[in-house]
Amino acid sequence: SVPLSAVKLTRIGPVLFTTASSTLVALPVVLGKVEGENVLISEGADLDTIIVTDARGLNDGQIVRVTTK
């Protein structure tokens, strides 16, 4: 599951953001059951996919600086 804040609803459907060479890439996903503040991802992302945990204000193709916690 991922935080609800990681999901952005777009005209093509829900997406998660990942990065490729400091550029955001929108990853279309299929949402599953909501569990509290998290939602299950049933299709579109693997368990090892590194995602942005707060998608507010983000857009596909945007240049970003990647940091880790």
Protein backbone atom coordinates (compact mmCIF):
# COMPACT_ATOMS: atom_id res chain seq x y z
CA SER A 1 0.00 0.00 0.00
CA VAL A 2 0.99 3.64 -0.45
CA PRO A 3 -0.05 6.85 1.31
CA LEU A 4 -3.17 8.43 -0.18
CA SER A 5 -1.08 11.59 -0.59
CA ALA A 6 1.11 9.73 -3.13
CA VAL A 7 -1.82 9.30 -5.53
CA LYS A 8 -2.77 12.05 -7.96
CA LEU A 9 -6.10 11.83 -9.78
CA THR A 10 -5.64 12.94 -13.39
CA ARG A 11 -7.77 12.92 -16.54
CA ILE A 12 -6.17 9.58 -17.46
CA GLY A 13 -6.92 8.17 -14.01
CA PRO A 14 -4.91 7.75 -10.81
CA VAL A 15 -1.12 7.96 -11.05
CA LEU A 16 1.91 7.61 -8.81
CA PHE A 17 5.08 9.55 -9.53
CA THR A 18 8.50 7.97 -9.87
CA THR A 19 11.67 9.54 -11.24
CA ALA A 20 13.97 8.92 -14.16
CA SER A 21 17.12 11.06 -14.29
CA SER A 22 15.61 13.75 -12.01
CA THR A 23 12.42 13.96 -14.11
CA LEU A 24 9.01 12.98 -12.75
CA VAL A 25 7.28 10.14 -14.56
CA ALA A 26 3.54 9.57 -14.03
CA LEU A 27 2.82 5.88 -13.54
CA PRO A 28 -0.84 4.97 -14.20
CA VAL A 29 -2.14 2.64 -11.48
CA VAL A 30 -5.27 0.75 -10.50
CA LEU A 31 -6.35 1.48 -6.95
CA GLY A 32 -7.56 -1.16 -4.55
CA LYS A 33 -8.99 -0.95 -1.06
CA VAL A 34 -8.41 2.13 1.10
CA GLU A 35 -7.02 1.25 4.53
CA GLY A 36 -6.95 4.31 6.77
CA GLU A 37 -4.51 6.80 5.22
CA ASN A 38 -3.17 4.24 2.72
CA VAL A 39 -4.50 2.66 -0.47
CA LEU A 40 -3.59 -0.65 -2.05
CA ILE A 41 -2.21 -0.56 -5.59
CA SER A 42 -3.58 -3.55 -7.52
CA GLU A 43 -1.87 -2.81 -10.85
CA GLY A 44 0.76 -0.48 -12.28
CA ALA A 45 3.54 -0.48 -9.67
CA ASP A 46 5.76 -3.21 -8.26
CA LEU A 47 6.73 -3.49 -4.61
CA ASP A 48 10.22 -2.22 -5.43
CA THR A 49 9.01 0.87 -7.34
CA ILE A 50 10.36 4.01 -5.65
CA ILE A 51 7.61 6.64 -5.54
CA VAL A 52 7.09 10.23 -4.48
CA THR A 53 5.02 10.15 -1.28
CA ASP A 54 3.29 13.52 -1.74
CA ALA A 55 1.93 14.15 -5.25
CA ARG A 56 0.31 17.54 -4.55
CA GLY A 57 1.22 20.06 -7.26
CA LEU A 58 3.38 17.63 -9.24
CA ASN A 59 3.21 17.07 -13.01
CA ASP A 60 4.58 14.50 -15.43
CA GLY A 61 7.91 15.66 -16.90
CA GLN A 62 8.66 18.11 -14.08
CA ILE A 63 12.35 18.38 -13.12
CA VAL A 64 12.99 17.53 -9.46
CA ARG A 65 15.83 17.06 -7.00
CA VAL A 66 15.75 13.57 -5.49
CA THR A 67 16.36 13.14 -1.75
CA THR A 68 15.72 10.19 0.54
CA LYS A 69 14.60 9.97 4.14
